[in-house]
Every structure is written in structure tokens, then in C-alpha cells.
Amino acid sequence: MPAAEGVETEPRLPAAENIEPDPEIPRETVPLEPHHPEPEPAKDRAPTITLEQVQGNEELSSFISAADRVMEGLGFTEHGFRHANLVANISYQVLHRLGFGEHDANLGCVAGYLHDVGNMLTRHSHAQTGALLVHQALKGELPGADLAQMLAAIANHEETDGMAVSPISAAVILADKSDVHRSRVRKSGQIRFDIHDRVNYAAEQSFLRVDSDARTVTLELTIDTEISQVMEYFEIFLGRMQMCRHAAETLDCRFRLMINGAELA
């Protein structure tokens, strides 16, 4: 597999395993509990949950649909199945291409798919409410330690009150924040009045490139500057880019941002 690969954040949703880039502490003590052997390293373990299993969960599917309806009512960009599947796919690829095993890659994939379900209640603190909803829906479906990692990733994906607390969390953050694209805009005829819609509509192409040798994660954007100036992107997304930088550092990588071929961060 080439060292540098990426995932284009467009509506097309190829299979997660077949992504190609767009051409273009020491004093001894007496143990009080029976000794339990250490678990096998995560990368050597099989997945405990898969995206296909969660996609077949009718309750969680209804949550995603309801969340997108709420976001539409609030005037936000698309947060439905397109966004959910895309974030799932990119989360998987980030972890996979950086050498994490199927176990962790699948946890990141499922967390990415479910990260926005909290919006079905309210946009405010939706990351934390989403984690609670997922806990109720999947409790008993996978080991507690794995569920805890997924919930932490979901609860920490927003820049206002979250941070990359693990590699799985970092992958979800990078996947979520890289989805800037005109296909998310619901009301293209009114983009001049809303800076978020305008910036998203101006994004003609978005591509997250992972170079496992150079240890870099690069968000490559093509923006139509006649619709939105590059400065407007930073005006609303600076916090997101700072969060991506910290997320990449959690993965022992450097985050880079390139807009229209020029490296800006």
C-alpha cells in the first residue's frame, strides 16, 4: 500500500477497505485479587463490533435521521447518513493507514458513524448526550472497555468542550472536521447570508491525506474564492484546525492544511 493515501470527503462512499485517492509504580505488595493475565495488544485482536452491525440497528438509524431533522430545523448543514458514513469511513482509514489494527480501526469507524446522534435532542452539548444515547443502545453488545473508548471519542469530538483523548478519539476528530464540502449545504440560494453555508459551498474538493512514513495528516481543500475568501474559512474554522493539530499529535503525526495548493498550517 502506498505510504501516502487519503479519503476524499465527497458524497461517494466507497467501501472502507478499498479507498483510493482522487487522481488529481516498585514496592512489592501482596495481591488481594487473583491475578488476571494482561489482554492481548489491541492490534492483534479481532473487531468486537463492525460498522455493518451498527448500520443494521434500527434504533440508532432512527437517531441519525432525527438528528439531521433537528439540524435542518436549526439551519445547519447536513448531519445525516452522508456525514455519518463519511466520518466512519475516514476514521477507519486514518487508524488503518497509521498502523492500528482492525480492532481499533473498527472502534473508530463505529464511533465516527455515531458521533452526532446527540443532535436529535439539542445542538448544545450534543457530543456528551450522544455518548449517553449510544451507551444505552449498545450496552452489552461489546466489552465495556471497548464501549468506553467509543463513548469517549463521541463525547470529545467538539472543539468547544472536547479534545483528543485517545487515538480513536483523534481519528474521529480529524474525520469530522475534514468534511467541508458544498454537498452539505441545504440552501445554496441563500449562501450570501450565512458564512458557514458560504464556506462549505465554496469547498469544491476536500481530501484528507495520511502519509504514514512522513507521519503527516494533511487536509487538502480546493475553495472557489469567488464564493468565499480563504480568510472566511479561518474566521469560522480556526478552532477546528487547532483541534485537528492536537489530534494529529495524539497520533504522533503533524497536521498540515493546504488550500488551493498552498500550505497554510
Protein backbone atom coordinates (compact mmCIF):
# COMPACT_ATOMS: atom_id res chain seq x y z
CA MET A 1 0.00 0.00 0.00
CA PRO A 2 1.42 3.48 -0.83
CA ALA A 3 2.72 5.43 2.13
CA ALA A 4 0.55 8.45 1.40
CA GLU A 5 -3.14 7.88 0.93
CA GLY A 6 -6.28 9.78 1.71
CA VAL A 7 -10.00 9.93 1.67
CA GLU A 8 -11.90 12.44 -0.41
CA THR A 9 -14.74 13.99 1.56
CA GLU A 10 -17.41 13.87 -1.13
CA PRO A 11 -20.79 12.14 -1.08
CA ARG A 12 -19.42 8.99 -2.71
CA LEU A 13 -18.95 6.32 -0.06
CA PRO A 14 -16.64 3.54 -1.25
CA ALA A 15 -16.04 0.53 0.92
CA ALA A 16 -13.79 1.25 3.87
CA GLU A 17 -11.27 -1.38 2.84
CA ASN A 18 -10.91 -0.10 -0.73
CA ILE A 19 -10.18 3.61 -0.69
CA GLU A 20 -8.09 5.13 -3.43
CA PRO A 21 -7.08 8.79 -3.69
CA ASP A 22 -8.68 11.05 -6.28
CA PRO A 23 -6.27 11.24 -9.25
CA GLU A 24 -5.71 14.72 -9.34
CA ILE A 25 4.62 2.30 40.08
CA PRO A 26 8.36 -0.55 42.86
CA ARG A 27 7.33 -1.75 46.30
CA GLU A 28 6.07 -5.31 46.36
CA THR A 29 2.63 -5.91 47.80
CA VAL A 30 0.57 -8.98 48.38
CA PRO A 31 -2.16 -9.17 45.74
CA LEU A 32 -5.65 -9.03 47.17
CA GLU A 33 -7.26 -10.25 43.96
CA PRO A 34 -6.47 -13.27 41.79
CA HIS A 35 -4.02 -12.35 39.06
CA HIS A 36 -5.55 -11.89 35.63
CA PRO A 37 -3.32 -12.01 32.55
CA GLU A 38 -2.89 -8.84 30.54
CA PRO A 39 -5.15 -8.64 27.46
CA GLU A 40 -3.59 -9.11 24.07
CA PRO A 41 -2.45 -5.93 22.31
CA ALA A 42 -5.36 -4.22 20.57
CA LYS A 43 -3.86 -4.55 17.10
CA ASP A 44 -3.76 -8.35 17.47
CA ARG A 45 -7.41 -8.66 18.46
CA ALA A 46 -10.37 -9.14 16.18
CA PRO A 47 -13.06 -6.44 15.97
CA THR A 48 -15.72 -6.59 18.67
CA ILE A 49 -18.16 -4.51 16.65
CA THR A 50 -18.40 -3.51 13.00
CA LEU A 51 -19.97 -0.70 11.04
CA GLU A 52 -22.34 -3.12 9.33
CA GLN A 53 -23.72 -4.27 12.68
CA VAL A 54 -24.43 -0.72 13.80
CA GLN A 55 -25.88 0.29 10.44
CA GLY A 56 -28.40 -2.52 10.90
CA ASN A 57 -29.51 -1.18 14.28
CA GLU A 58 -32.92 0.40 13.64
CA GLU A 59 -32.87 2.45 16.84
CA LEU A 60 -29.53 4.07 16.04
CA SER A 61 -30.59 4.66 12.43
CA SER A 62 -33.67 6.49 13.68
CA PHE A 63 -31.40 8.59 15.93
CA ILE A 64 -29.28 9.70 12.96
CA SER A 65 -32.37 10.61 10.95
CA ALA A 66 -33.86 12.53 13.87
CA ALA A 67 -30.56 14.34 14.49
CA ASP A 68 -30.41 15.54 10.91
CA ARG A 69 -34.00 16.79 11.07
CA VAL A 70 -33.15 18.84 14.17
CA MET A 71 -30.07 20.27 12.48
CA GLU A 72 -32.10 21.18 9.42
CA GLY A 73 -34.64 22.90 11.62
CA LEU A 74 -31.85 24.90 13.25
CA GLY A 75 -30.49 25.90 9.85
CA PHE A 76 -27.28 23.85 9.98
CA THR A 77 -25.56 21.95 7.19
CA GLU A 78 -26.25 18.26 6.53
CA HIS A 79 -25.57 15.99 9.53
CA GLY A 80 -27.32 12.82 8.34
CA PHE A 81 -26.26 9.49 6.87
CA ARG A 82 -23.91 11.04 4.32
CA HIS A 83 -21.88 12.73 7.05
CA ALA A 84 -22.12 9.74 9.40
CA ASN A 85 -20.89 7.23 6.82
CA LEU A 86 -18.15 9.54 5.62
CA VAL A 87 -16.77 10.21 9.11
CA ALA A 88 -16.93 6.47 9.83
CA ASN A 89 -15.01 5.68 6.66
CA ILE A 90 -12.31 8.31 7.19
CA SER A 91 -11.88 7.41 10.88
CA TYR A 92 -11.24 3.80 9.87
CA GLN A 93 -8.75 4.79 7.18
CA VAL A 94 -6.77 7.17 9.42
CA LEU A 95 -6.22 4.43 12.01
CA HIS A 96 -5.64 1.70 9.44
CA ARG A 97 -3.06 3.68 7.46
CA LEU A 98 -1.18 4.66 10.62
CA GLY A 99 -0.69 1.03 11.59
CA PHE A 100 -3.50 0.42 14.05
CA GLY A 101 -5.17 -2.99 13.87
CA GLU A 102 -8.68 -3.92 12.85
CA HIS A 103 -9.87 -3.82 16.45
CA ASP A 104 -9.09 -0.13 17.00
CA ALA A 105 -9.90 0.85 13.41
CA ASN A 106 -13.40 -0.61 13.75
CA LEU A 107 -13.98 1.11 17.10
CA GLY A 108 -13.02 4.41 15.45
CA CYS A 109 -15.25 3.63 12.49
CA VAL A 110 -18.33 2.99 14.65
CA ALA A 111 -17.63 5.99 16.88
CA GLY A 112 -17.36 8.13 13.75
CA TYR A 113 -20.66 6.83 12.44
CA LEU A 114 -22.47 7.63 15.69
CA HIS A 115 -20.65 10.79 16.79
CA ASP A 116 -23.51 13.21 16.03
CA VAL A 117 -26.59 11.31 17.29
CA GLY A 118 -26.87 13.69 20.26
CA ASN A 119 -28.14 16.34 17.88
CA MET A 120 -31.51 14.55 17.95
CA LEU A 121 -32.04 16.22 21.35
CA THR A 122 -30.22 19.53 21.05
CA ARG A 123 -27.14 21.00 19.44
CA HIS A 124 -25.88 22.18 22.82
CA SER A 125 -23.61 19.54 24.42
CA HIS A 126 -24.63 17.10 21.70
CA ALA A 127 -21.34 15.21 21.98
CA GLN A 128 -21.98 14.26 25.60
CA THR A 129 -25.67 13.50 25.16
CA GLY A 130 -24.79 11.44 22.11
CA ALA A 131 -22.38 9.34 24.15
CA LEU A 132 -25.14 8.61 26.67
CA LEU A 133 -27.56 7.63 23.91
CA VAL A 134 -25.01 5.28 22.36
CA HIS A 135 -24.27 3.75 25.76
CA GLN A 136 -27.92 2.87 26.22
CA ALA A 137 -28.22 1.47 22.70
CA LEU A 138 -25.05 -0.65 22.69
CA LYS A 139 -24.65 -1.59 26.35
CA GLY A 140 -23.98 -5.31 26.45
CA GLU A 141 -23.20 -5.51 22.72
CA LEU A 142 -19.42 -5.26 23.17
CA PRO A 143 -16.89 -5.36 26.04
CA GLY A 144 -17.09 -2.49 28.49
CA ALA A 145 -13.53 -1.35 27.79
CA ASP A 146 -14.25 -1.07 24.07
CA LEU A 147 -17.56 0.71 24.64
CA ALA A 148 -15.80 3.16 26.96
CA GLN A 149 -13.29 4.07 24.24
CA MET A 150 -16.07 4.67 21.73
CA LEU A 151 -18.07 6.80 24.15
CA ALA A 152 -15.04 8.93 25.00
CA ALA A 153 -14.42 9.55 21.30
CA ILE A 154 -18.04 10.58 20.73
CA ALA A 155 -18.13 12.81 23.82
CA ASN A 156 -14.90 14.63 22.88
CA HIS A 157 -15.29 15.42 19.18
CA GLU A 158 -16.32 19.09 19.52
CA GLU A 159 -13.73 21.84 19.83
CA THR A 160 -15.78 23.79 22.40
CA ASP A 161 -15.60 21.16 25.13
CA GLY A 162 -13.61 18.18 23.86
CA MET A 163 -10.11 17.05 22.98
CA ALA A 164 -8.29 14.06 21.54
CA VAL A 165 -8.17 11.68 24.48
CA SER A 166 -7.01 8.59 22.54
CA PRO A 167 -6.00 7.55 19.02
CA ILE A 168 -9.62 6.54 18.34
CA SER A 169 -10.83 9.94 19.51
CA ALA A 170 -8.18 11.67 17.40
CA ALA A 171 -9.26 9.82 14.26
CA VAL A 172 -12.90 10.80 14.75
CA ILE A 173 -11.93 14.45 15.24
CA LEU A 174 -9.84 14.53 12.05
CA ALA A 175 -12.57 12.79 10.07
CA ASP A 176 -15.35 15.04 11.33
CA LYS A 177 -13.51 18.33 10.85
CA SER A 178 -12.32 17.43 7.36
CA ASP A 179 -15.86 17.16 6.00
CA VAL A 180 -16.11 20.59 4.43
CA HIS A 181 -17.93 20.35 1.11
CA ARG A 182 -20.68 22.04 -0.88
CA SER A 183 -22.80 18.87 -0.83
CA ARG A 184 -23.54 19.60 2.85
CA VAL A 185 -25.28 22.90 2.10
CA ARG A 186 -29.09 22.66 2.14
CA LYS A 187 -29.99 26.14 0.89
CA SER A 188 -27.45 27.12 -1.74
CA GLY A 189 -29.62 30.03 -2.87
CA GLN A 190 -29.02 31.83 0.43
CA ILE A 191 -25.29 31.28 0.91
CA ARG A 192 -24.51 35.00 0.83
CA PHE A 193 -26.37 35.41 4.12
CA ASP A 194 -24.70 32.59 6.09
CA ILE A 195 -20.93 32.35 6.39
CA HIS A 196 -20.99 28.64 7.32
CA ASP A 197 -23.05 27.76 4.24
CA ARG A 198 -20.91 30.04 2.11
CA VAL A 199 -17.61 28.47 3.20
CA ASN A 200 -18.94 24.93 2.78
CA TYR A 201 -20.44 25.74 -0.62
CA ALA A 202 -17.14 27.23 -1.76
CA ALA A 203 -15.34 23.96 -0.97
CA GLU A 204 -15.25 22.13 -4.29
CA GLN A 205 -12.98 19.35 -3.07
CA SER A 206 -11.80 18.13 0.32
CA PHE A 207 -9.24 15.39 0.81
CA LEU A 208 -7.58 14.05 3.97
CA ARG A 209 -4.19 12.61 3.10
CA VAL A 210 -2.32 10.36 5.52
CA ASP A 211 1.41 9.81 5.00
CA SER A 212 2.46 7.02 7.33
CA ASP A 213 6.18 7.42 6.52
CA ALA A 214 6.36 11.19 7.00
CA ARG A 215 3.82 10.96 9.87
CA THR A 216 1.68 13.75 8.48
CA VAL A 217 -2.06 14.19 8.13
CA THR A 218 -2.91 16.80 5.51
CA LEU A 219 -6.29 18.38 4.83
CA GLU A 220 -6.29 19.48 1.21
CA LEU A 221 -9.06 21.87 0.19
CA THR A 222 -9.99 23.39 -3.13
CA ILE A 223 -12.01 26.55 -2.49
CA ASP A 224 -13.73 28.78 -5.02
CA THR A 225 -12.55 32.18 -3.82
CA GLU A 226 -15.23 33.94 -5.84
CA ILE A 227 -17.76 32.42 -3.44
CA SER A 228 -15.78 32.66 -0.20
CA GLN A 229 -12.37 34.05 0.60
CA VAL A 230 -9.82 31.84 2.38
CA MET A 231 -9.89 34.24 5.34
CA GLU A 232 -13.53 33.34 5.94
CA TYR A 233 -12.54 29.70 6.33
CA PHE A 234 -10.19 30.65 9.16
CA GLU A 235 -12.76 33.00 10.63
CA ILE A 236 -15.12 30.14 11.43
CA PHE A 237 -12.83 27.09 11.44
CA LEU A 238 -9.71 28.20 13.32
CA GLY A 239 -10.77 26.32 16.45
CA ARG A 240 -11.39 23.21 14.39
CA MET A 241 -7.95 23.37 12.80
CA GLN A 242 -6.30 23.78 16.21
CA MET A 243 -8.21 20.71 17.38
CA CYS A 244 -7.02 18.80 14.32
CA ARG A 245 -3.43 19.75 15.11
CA HIS A 246 -3.74 18.35 18.62
CA ALA A 247 -5.49 15.24 17.27
CA ALA A 248 -2.66 14.61 14.81
CA GLU A 249 -0.14 14.99 17.63
CA THR A 250 -2.02 12.33 19.60
CA LEU A 251 -1.41 10.04 16.61
CA ASP A 252 2.28 11.02 16.60
CA CYS A 253 1.74 12.99 13.39
CA ARG A 254 1.93 16.57 12.20
CA PHE A 255 -1.19 18.27 10.87
CA ARG A 256 -0.96 20.25 7.66
CA LEU A 257 -3.57 22.41 5.94
CA MET A 258 -3.35 23.14 2.24
CA ILE A 259 -5.85 25.38 0.45
CA ASN A 260 -5.72 25.74 -3.32
CA GLY A 261 -2.24 24.18 -3.36
CA ALA A 262 -0.70 26.49 -0.75
CA GLU A 263 0.29 25.21 2.68
CA LEU A 264 -1.19 27.45 5.36
CA ALA A 265 -0.55 25.44 8.54
